[in-house]
Amino acid sequence: MTDAVLVALIGLAGSAIGSIVGVVASAKLTSYRIEQLEKKVQAHNNLIERTYRLEERTEVQEEKLRVVNHRLSDLEDYHKGGN
């Protein structure tokens, strides 16, 4: 085997190993970034769910407040009419 062929084979092996290492590193980085995005999406979804529950509770409290105000108004009207 000539020196040129040996150098070419060593260069080929080095390029192949470098490419494989690069692909593996890129895959790991991509996997890590996807995991981080999934965590962010989950946190966002949790926030949306909590906000939705808070909005529902706020609507219930506002309805209760409207009822109380209506009752107070009725009592005030009754009190004014009774005097």
PDB file of N, CA and C in Angstrom:
ATOM      1  N   MET A   1       0.868  -1.166   0.000  1.00  0.00           N
ATOM      2  CA  MET A   1       0.000   0.000   0.000  1.00  0.00           C
ATOM      3  C   MET A   1       0.917   1.232   0.000  1.00  0.00           C
ATOM      4  N   THR A   2       0.564   2.170  -0.817  1.00  0.00           N
ATOM      5  CA  THR A   2       1.425   3.345  -0.921  1.00  0.00           C
ATOM      6  C   THR A   2       1.127   4.325   0.202  1.00  0.00           C
ATOM      7  N   ASP A   3       2.042   5.234   0.385  1.00  0.00           N
ATOM      8  CA  ASP A   3       1.882   6.248   1.427  1.00  0.00           C
ATOM      9  C   ASP A   3       0.652   7.123   1.174  1.00  0.00           C
ATOM     10  N   ALA A   4       0.398   7.426  -0.074  1.00  0.00           N
ATOM     11  CA  ALA A   4      -0.735   8.289  -0.428  1.00  0.00           C
ATOM     12  C   ALA A   4      -2.059   7.614  -0.064  1.00  0.00           C
ATOM     13  N   VAL A   5      -2.147   6.309  -0.320  1.00  0.00           N
ATOM     14  CA  VAL A   5      -3.378   5.572   0.002  1.00  0.00           C
ATOM     15  C   VAL A   5      -3.545   5.505   1.516  1.00  0.00           C
ATOM     16  N   LEU A   6      -2.463   5.274   2.231  1.00  0.00           N
ATOM     17  CA  LEU A   6      -2.521   5.211   3.687  1.00  0.00           C
ATOM     18  C   LEU A   6      -2.963   6.554   4.276  1.00  0.00           C
ATOM     19  N   VAL A   7      -2.422   7.640   3.774  1.00  0.00           N
ATOM     20  CA  VAL A   7      -2.799   8.970   4.244  1.00  0.00           C
ATOM     21  C   VAL A   7      -4.276   9.238   3.930  1.00  0.00           C
ATOM     22  N   ALA A   8      -4.721   8.818   2.744  1.00  0.00           N
ATOM     23  CA  ALA A   8      -6.119   9.003   2.353  1.00  0.00           C
ATOM     24  C   ALA A   8      -7.050   8.215   3.277  1.00  0.00           C
ATOM     25  N   LEU A   9      -6.667   6.980   3.619  1.00  0.00           N
ATOM     26  CA  LEU A   9      -7.491   6.152   4.514  1.00  0.00           C
ATOM     27  C   LEU A   9      -7.536   6.750   5.919  1.00  0.00           C
ATOM     28  N   ILE A  10      -6.416   7.262   6.387  1.00  0.00           N
ATOM     29  CA  ILE A  10      -6.393   7.895   7.711  1.00  0.00           C
ATOM     30  C   ILE A  10      -7.258   9.151   7.699  1.00  0.00           C
ATOM     31  N   GLY A  11      -7.178   9.927   6.639  1.00  0.00           N
ATOM     32  CA  GLY A  11      -8.017  11.124   6.501  1.00  0.00           C
ATOM     33  C   GLY A  11      -9.490  10.770   6.442  1.00  0.00           C
ATOM     34  N   LEU A  12      -9.817   9.703   5.730  1.00  0.00           N
ATOM     35  CA  LEU A  12     -11.204   9.237   5.628  1.00  0.00           C
ATOM     36  C   LEU A  12     -11.724   8.815   7.002  1.00  0.00           C
ATOM     37  N   ALA A  13     -10.892   8.060   7.733  1.00  0.00           N
ATOM     38  CA  ALA A  13     -11.300   7.612   9.065  1.00  0.00           C
ATOM     39  C   ALA A  13     -11.493   8.811   9.986  1.00  0.00           C
ATOM     40  N   GLY A  14     -10.592   9.774   9.926  1.00  0.00           N
ATOM     41  CA  GLY A  14     -10.722  10.965  10.763  1.00  0.00           C
ATOM     42  C   GLY A  14     -11.966  11.753  10.421  1.00  0.00           C
ATOM     43  N   SER A  15     -12.247  11.888   9.136  1.00  0.00           N
ATOM     44  CA  SER A  15     -13.452  12.615   8.718  1.00  0.00           C
ATOM     45  C   SER A  15     -14.717  11.887   9.160  1.00  0.00           C
ATOM     46  N   ALA A  16     -14.707  10.571   9.026  1.00  0.00           N
ATOM     47  CA  ALA A  16     -15.879   9.787   9.419  1.00  0.00           C
ATOM     48  C   ALA A  16     -16.118   9.897  10.920  1.00  0.00           C
ATOM     49  N   ILE A  17     -15.052   9.770  11.706  1.00  0.00           N
ATOM     50  CA  ILE A  17     -15.189   9.871  13.161  1.00  0.00           C
ATOM     51  C   ILE A  17     -15.654  11.271  13.547  1.00  0.00           C
ATOM     52  N   GLY A  18     -15.089  12.279  12.920  1.00  0.00           N
ATOM     53  CA  GLY A  18     -15.505  13.654  13.200  1.00  0.00           C
ATOM     54  C   GLY A  18     -16.964  13.882  12.861  1.00  0.00           C
ATOM     55  N   SER A  19     -17.398  13.354  11.739  1.00  0.00           N
ATOM     56  CA  SER A  19     -18.797  13.505  11.341  1.00  0.00           C
ATOM     57  C   SER A  19     -19.730  12.804  12.316  1.00  0.00           C
ATOM     58  N   ILE A  20     -19.368  11.594  12.715  1.00  0.00           N
ATOM     59  CA  ILE A  20     -20.202  10.833  13.653  1.00  0.00           C
ATOM     60  C   ILE A  20     -20.291  11.550  14.997  1.00  0.00           C
ATOM     61  N   VAL A  21     -19.166  12.042  15.492  1.00  0.00           N
ATOM     62  CA  VAL A  21     -19.160  12.772  16.762  1.00  0.00           C
ATOM     63  C   VAL A  21     -20.016  14.029  16.646  1.00  0.00           C
ATOM     64  N   GLY A  22     -19.909  14.716  15.515  1.00  0.00           N
ATOM     65  CA  GLY A  22     -20.713  15.916  15.300  1.00  0.00           C
ATOM     66  C   GLY A  22     -22.200  15.622  15.275  1.00  0.00           C
ATOM     67  N   VAL A  23     -22.585  14.547  14.613  1.00  0.00           N
ATOM     68  CA  VAL A  23     -23.998  14.169  14.543  1.00  0.00           C
ATOM     69  C   VAL A  23     -24.526  13.792  15.925  1.00  0.00           C
ATOM     70  N   VAL A  24     -23.751  13.039  16.678  1.00  0.00           N
ATOM     71  CA  VAL A  24     -24.166  12.632  18.022  1.00  0.00           C
ATOM     72  C   VAL A  24     -24.306  13.853  18.934  1.00  0.00           C
ATOM     73  N   ALA A  25     -23.324  14.758  18.862  1.00  0.00           N
ATOM     74  CA  ALA A  25     -23.389  15.963  19.698  1.00  0.00           C
ATOM     75  C   ALA A  25     -24.596  16.818  19.314  1.00  0.00           C
ATOM     76  N   SER A  26     -24.842  16.942  18.027  1.00  0.00           N
ATOM     77  CA  SER A  26     -25.991  17.722  17.562  1.00  0.00           C
ATOM     78  C   SER A  26     -27.298  17.082  18.025  1.00  0.00           C
ATOM     79  N   ALA A  27     -27.376  15.767  17.965  1.00  0.00           N
ATOM     80  CA  ALA A  27     -28.589  15.066  18.411  1.00  0.00           C
ATOM     81  C   ALA A  27     -28.814  15.261  19.906  1.00  0.00           C
ATOM     82  N   LYS A  28     -27.750  15.215  20.684  1.00  0.00           N
ATOM     83  CA  LYS A  28     -27.877  15.422  22.132  1.00  0.00           C
ATOM     84  C   LYS A  28     -28.350  16.841  22.430  1.00  0.00           C
ATOM     85  N   LEU A  29     -27.760  17.810  21.738  1.00  0.00           N
ATOM     86  CA  LEU A  29     -28.151  19.206  21.946  1.00  0.00           C
ATOM     87  C   LEU A  29     -29.610  19.413  21.558  1.00  0.00           C
ATOM     88  N   THR A  30     -30.009  18.840  20.428  1.00  0.00           N
ATOM     89  CA  THR A  30     -31.399  18.963  19.992  1.00  0.00           C
ATOM     90  C   THR A  30     -32.345  18.319  21.001  1.00  0.00           C
ATOM     91  N   SER A  31     -31.978  17.166  21.513  1.00  0.00           N
ATOM     92  CA  SER A  31     -32.795  16.483  22.518  1.00  0.00           C
ATOM     93  C   SER A  31     -32.922  17.323  23.782  1.00  0.00           C
ATOM     94  N   TYR A  32     -31.813  17.903  24.218  1.00  0.00           N
ATOM     95  CA  TYR A  32     -31.817  18.748  25.414  1.00  0.00           C
ATOM     96  C   TYR A  32     -32.714  19.961  25.212  1.00  0.00           C
ATOM     97  N   ARG A  33     -32.582  20.602  24.070  1.00  0.00           N
ATOM     98  CA  ARG A  33     -33.387  21.793  23.803  1.00  0.00           C
ATOM     99  C   ARG A  33     -34.876  21.446  23.725  1.00  0.00           C
ATOM    100  N   ILE A  34     -35.198  20.305  23.158  1.00  0.00           N
ATOM    101  CA  ILE A  34     -36.602  19.880  23.106  1.00  0.00           C
ATOM    102  C   ILE A  34     -37.133  19.646  24.514  1.00  0.00           C
ATOM    103  N   GLU A  35     -36.322  19.022  25.370  1.00  0.00           N
ATOM    104  CA  GLU A  35     -36.735  18.814  26.768  1.00  0.00           C
ATOM    105  C   GLU A  35     -37.021  20.142  27.460  1.00  0.00           C
ATOM    106  N   GLN A  36     -36.141  21.112  27.254  1.00  0.00           N
ATOM    107  CA  GLN A  36     -36.324  22.424  27.873  1.00  0.00           C
ATOM    108  C   GLN A  36     -37.589  23.104  27.362  1.00  0.00           C
ATOM    109  N   LEU A  37     -37.839  22.996  26.070  1.00  0.00           N
ATOM    110  CA  LEU A  37     -39.059  23.579  25.507  1.00  0.00           C
ATOM    111  C   LEU A  37     -40.303  22.883  26.057  1.00  0.00           C
ATOM    112  N   GLU A  38     -40.237  21.572  26.214  1.00  0.00           N
ATOM    113  CA  GLU A  38     -41.373  20.847  26.774  1.00  0.00           C
ATOM    114  C   GLU A  38     -41.660  21.314  28.201  1.00  0.00           C
ATOM    115  N   LYS A  39     -40.605  21.554  28.973  1.00  0.00           N
ATOM    116  CA  LYS A  39     -40.796  22.054  30.342  1.00  0.00           C
ATOM    117  C   LYS A  39     -41.449  23.431  30.324  1.00  0.00           C
ATOM    118  N   LYS A  40     -41.007  24.287  29.410  1.00  0.00           N
ATOM    119  CA  LYS A  40     -41.595  25.624  29.309  1.00  0.00           C
ATOM    120  C   LYS A  40     -43.057  25.553  28.882  1.00  0.00           C
ATOM    121  N   VAL A  41     -43.346  24.678  27.939  1.00  0.00           N
ATOM    122  CA  VAL A  41     -44.728  24.524  27.484  1.00  0.00           C
ATOM    123  C   VAL A  41     -45.597  24.013  28.622  1.00  0.00           C
ATOM    124  N   GLN A  42     -45.098  23.064  29.400  1.00  0.00           N
ATOM    125  CA  GLN A  42     -45.860  22.534  30.531  1.00  0.00           C
ATOM    126  C   GLN A  42     -46.115  23.626  31.567  1.00  0.00           C
ATOM    127  N   ALA A  43     -45.098  24.433  31.847  1.00  0.00           N
ATOM    128  CA  ALA A  43     -45.275  25.534  32.798  1.00  0.00           C
ATOM    129  C   ALA A  43     -46.308  26.524  32.264  1.00  0.00           C
ATOM    130  N   HIS A  44     -46.246  26.800  30.981  1.00  0.00           N
ATOM    131  CA  HIS A  44     -47.220  27.713  30.365  1.00  0.00           C
ATOM    132  C   HIS A  44     -48.628  27.136  30.459  1.00  0.00           C
ATOM    133  N   ASN A  45     -48.762  25.857  30.151  1.00  0.00           N
ATOM    134  CA  ASN A  45     -50.079  25.221  30.220  1.00  0.00           C
ATOM    135  C   ASN A  45     -50.626  25.242  31.649  1.00  0.00           C
ATOM    136  N   ASN A  46     -49.758  25.014  32.625  1.00  0.00           N
ATOM    137  CA  ASN A  46     -50.184  25.084  34.025  1.00  0.00           C
ATOM    138  C   ASN A  46     -50.668  26.483  34.365  1.00  0.00           C
ATOM    139  N   LEU A  47     -49.954  27.485  33.880  1.00  0.00           N
ATOM    140  CA  LEU A  47     -50.361  28.867  34.123  1.00  0.00           C
ATOM    141  C   LEU A  47     -51.724  29.150  33.495  1.00  0.00           C
ATOM    142  N   ILE A  48     -51.932  28.675  32.286  1.00  0.00           N
ATOM    143  CA  ILE A  48     -53.214  28.878  31.607  1.00  0.00           C
ATOM    144  C   ILE A  48     -54.338  28.206  32.385  1.00  0.00           C
ATOM    145  N   GLU A  49     -54.099  26.986  32.859  1.00  0.00           N
ATOM    146  CA  GLU A  49     -55.123  26.277  33.630  1.00  0.00           C
ATOM    147  C   GLU A  49     -55.443  27.024  34.929  1.00  0.00           C
ATOM    148  N   ARG A  50     -54.406  27.508  35.612  1.00  0.00           N
ATOM    149  CA  ARG A  50     -54.636  28.263  36.855  1.00  0.00           C
ATOM    150  C   ARG A  50     -55.381  29.553  36.565  1.00  0.00           C
ATOM    151  N   THR A  51     -55.027  30.229  35.488  1.00  0.00           N
ATOM    152  CA  THR A  51     -55.712  31.466  35.118  1.00  0.00           C
ATOM    153  C   THR A  51     -57.176  31.194  34.821  1.00  0.00           C
ATOM    154  N   TYR A  52     -57.451  30.105  34.112  1.00  0.00           N
ATOM    155  CA  TYR A  52     -58.823  29.747  33.791  1.00  0.00           C
ATOM    156  C   TYR A  52     -59.629  29.508  35.069  1.00  0.00           C
ATOM    157  N   ARG A  53     -59.035  28.767  36.020  1.00  0.00           N
ATOM    158  CA  ARG A  53     -59.737  28.514  37.285  1.00  0.00           C
ATOM    159  C   ARG A  53     -59.972  29.813  38.056  1.00  0.00           C
ATOM    160  N   LEU A  54     -58.973  30.704  38.044  1.00  0.00           N
ATOM    161  CA  LEU A  54     -59.144  31.994  38.722  1.00  0.00           C
ATOM    162  C   LEU A  54     -60.251  32.824  38.076  1.00  0.00           C
ATOM    163  N   GLU A  55     -60.322  32.788  36.748  1.00  0.00           N
ATOM    164  CA  GLU A  55     -61.384  33.524  36.058  1.00  0.00           C
ATOM    165  C   GLU A  55     -62.755  32.972  36.429  1.00  0.00           C
ATOM    166  N   GLU A  56     -62.851  31.643  36.512  1.00  0.00           N
ATOM    167  CA  GLU A  56     -64.130  31.043  36.912  1.00  0.00           C
ATOM    168  C   GLU A  56     -64.509  31.474  38.326  1.00  0.00           C
ATOM    169  N   ARG A  57     -63.531  31.444  39.237  1.00  0.00           N
ATOM    170  CA  ARG A  57     -63.805  31.848  40.619  1.00  0.00           C
ATOM    171  C   ARG A  57     -64.182  33.323  40.681  1.00  0.00           C
ATOM    172  N   THR A  58     -63.539  34.142  39.871  1.00  0.00           N
ATOM    173  CA  THR A  58     -63.846  35.566  39.845  1.00  0.00           C
ATOM    174  C   THR A  58     -65.271  35.789  39.363  1.00  0.00           C
ATOM    175  N   GLU A  59     -65.680  35.048  38.340  1.00  0.00           N
ATOM    176  CA  GLU A  59     -67.045  35.182  37.839  1.00  0.00           C
ATOM    177  C   GLU A  59     -68.062  34.805  38.917  1.00  0.00           C
ATOM    178  N   VAL A  60     -67.777  33.734  39.657  1.00  0.00           N
ATOM    179  CA  VAL A  60     -68.674  33.305  40.732  1.00  0.00           C
ATOM    180  C   VAL A  60     -68.746  34.388  41.805  1.00  0.00           C
ATOM    181  N   GLN A  61     -67.586  34.936  42.190  1.00  0.00           N
ATOM    182  CA  GLN A  61     -67.568  35.982  43.216  1.00  0.00           C
ATOM    183  C   GLN A  61     -68.301  37.242  42.742  1.00  0.00           C
ATOM    184  N   GLU A  62     -68.135  37.584  41.471  1.00  0.00           N
ATOM    185  CA  GLU A  62     -68.837  38.752  40.941  1.00  0.00           C
ATOM    186  C   GLU A  62     -70.352  38.530  40.941  1.00  0.00           C
ATOM    187  N   GLU A  63     -70.772  37.316  40.620  1.00  0.00           N
ATOM    188  CA  GLU A  63     -72.208  37.016  40.645  1.00  0.00           C
ATOM    189  C   GLU A  63     -72.736  37.100  42.074  1.00  0.00           C
ATOM    190  N   LYS A  64     -71.972  36.567  43.030  1.00  0.00           N
ATOM    191  CA  LYS A  64     -72.377  36.662  44.431  1.00  0.00           C
ATOM    192  C   LYS A  64     -72.474  38.122  44.867  1.00  0.00           C
ATOM    193  N   LEU A  65     -71.531  38.929  44.436  1.00  0.00           N
ATOM    194  CA  LEU A  65     -71.541  40.341  44.772  1.00  0.00           C
ATOM    195  C   LEU A  65     -72.768  41.038  44.170  1.00  0.00           C
ATOM    196  N   ARG A  66     -73.112  40.687  42.940  1.00  0.00           N
ATOM    197  CA  ARG A  66     -74.319  41.260  42.324  1.00  0.00           C
ATOM    198  C   ARG A  66     -75.573  40.890  43.111  1.00  0.00           C
ATOM    199  N   VAL A  67     -75.632  39.636  43.572  1.00  0.00           N
ATOM    200  CA  VAL A  67     -76.778  39.187  44.358  1.00  0.00           C
ATOM    201  C   VAL A  67     -76.847  39.953  45.673  1.00  0.00           C
ATOM    202  N   VAL A  68     -75.699  40.095  46.340  1.00  0.00           N
ATOM    203  CA  VAL A  68     -75.670  40.820  47.616  1.00  0.00           C
ATOM    204  C   VAL A  68     -76.088  42.272  47.398  1.00  0.00           C
ATOM    205  N   ASN A  69     -75.584  42.904  46.365  1.00  0.00           N
ATOM    206  CA  ASN A  69     -75.956  44.290  46.071  1.00  0.00           C
ATOM    207  C   ASN A  69     -77.444  44.417  45.787  1.00  0.00           C
ATOM    208  N   HIS A  70     -77.978  43.435  45.075  1.00  0.00           N
ATOM    209  CA  HIS A  70     -79.408  43.455  44.779  1.00  0.00           C
ATOM    210  C   HIS A  70     -80.226  43.312  46.073  1.00  0.00           C
ATOM    211  N   ARG A  71     -79.779  42.417  46.944  1.00  0.00           N
ATOM    212  CA  ARG A  71     -80.477  42.235  48.220  1.00  0.00           C
ATOM    213  C   ARG A  71     -80.411  43.503  49.061  1.00  0.00           C
ATOM    214  N   LEU A  72     -79.227  44.124  49.091  1.00  0.00           N
ATOM    215  CA  LEU A  72     -79.094  45.377  49.836  1.00  0.00           C
ATOM    216  C   LEU A  72     -80.012  46.458  49.267  1.00  0.00           C
ATOM    217  N   SER A  73     -80.062  46.521  47.962  1.00  0.00           N
ATOM    218  CA  SER A  73     -80.937  47.508  47.319  1.00  0.00           C
ATOM    219  C   SER A  73     -82.394  47.244  47.687  1.00  0.00           C
ATOM    220  N   ASP A  74     -82.791  45.975  47.672  1.00  0.00           N
ATOM    221  CA  ASP A  74     -84.166  45.619  48.052  1.00  0.00           C
ATOM    222  C   ASP A  74     -84.436  45.992  49.508  1.00  0.00           C
ATOM    223  N   LEU A  75     -83.460  45.726  50.403  1.00  0.00           N
ATOM    224  CA  LEU A  75     -83.642  46.070  51.813  1.00  0.00           C
ATOM    225  C   LEU A  75     -83.714  47.580  51.995  1.00  0.00           C
ATOM    226  N   GLU A  76     -82.877  48.316  51.266  1.00  0.00           N
ATOM    227  CA  GLU A  76     -82.916  49.766  51.351  1.00  0.00           C
ATOM    228  C   GLU A  76     -84.273  50.287  50.868  1.00  0.00           C
ATOM    229  N   ASP A  77     -84.762  49.740  49.761  1.00  0.00           N
ATOM    230  CA  ASP A  77     -86.059  50.166  49.242  1.00  0.00           C
ATOM    231  C   ASP A  77     -87.160  49.813  50.230  1.00  0.00           C
ATOM    232  N   TYR A  78     -87.081  48.635  50.848  1.00  0.00           N
ATOM    233  CA  TYR A  78     -88.068  48.229  51.829  1.00  0.00           C
ATOM    234  C   TYR A  78     -88.025  49.149  53.051  1.00  0.00           C
ATOM    235  N   HIS A  79     -86.798  49.466  53.495  1.00  0.00           N
ATOM    236  CA  HIS A  79     -86.622  50.330  54.643  1.00  0.00           C
ATOM    237  C   HIS A  79     -87.159  51.737  54.357  1.00  0.00           C
ATOM    238  N   LYS A  80     -86.906  52.256  53.184  1.00  0.00           N
ATOM    239  CA  LYS A  80     -87.403  53.584  52.809  1.00  0.00           C
ATOM    240  C   LYS A  80     -88.923  53.582  52.742  1.00  0.00           C
ATOM    241  N   GLY A  81     -89.485  52.511  52.226  1.00  0.00           N
ATOM    242  CA  GLY A  81     -90.944  52.436  52.094  1.00  0.00           C
ATOM    243  C   GLY A  81     -91.636  52.184  53.419  1.00  0.00           C
ATOM    244  N   GLY A  82     -90.930  51.531  54.349  1.00  0.00           N
ATOM    245  CA  GLY A  82     -91.518  51.192  55.653  1.00  0.00           C
ATOM    246  C   GLY A  82     -91.527  52.365  56.600  1.00  0.00           C
ATOM    247  N   ASN A  83     -90.741  53.388  56.375  1.00  0.00           N
ATOM    248  CA  ASN A  83     -90.691  54.541  57.283  1.00  0.00           C
ATOM    249  C   ASN A  83     -91.740  55.526  57.017  1.00  0.00           C
TER     250      ASN A  83
END
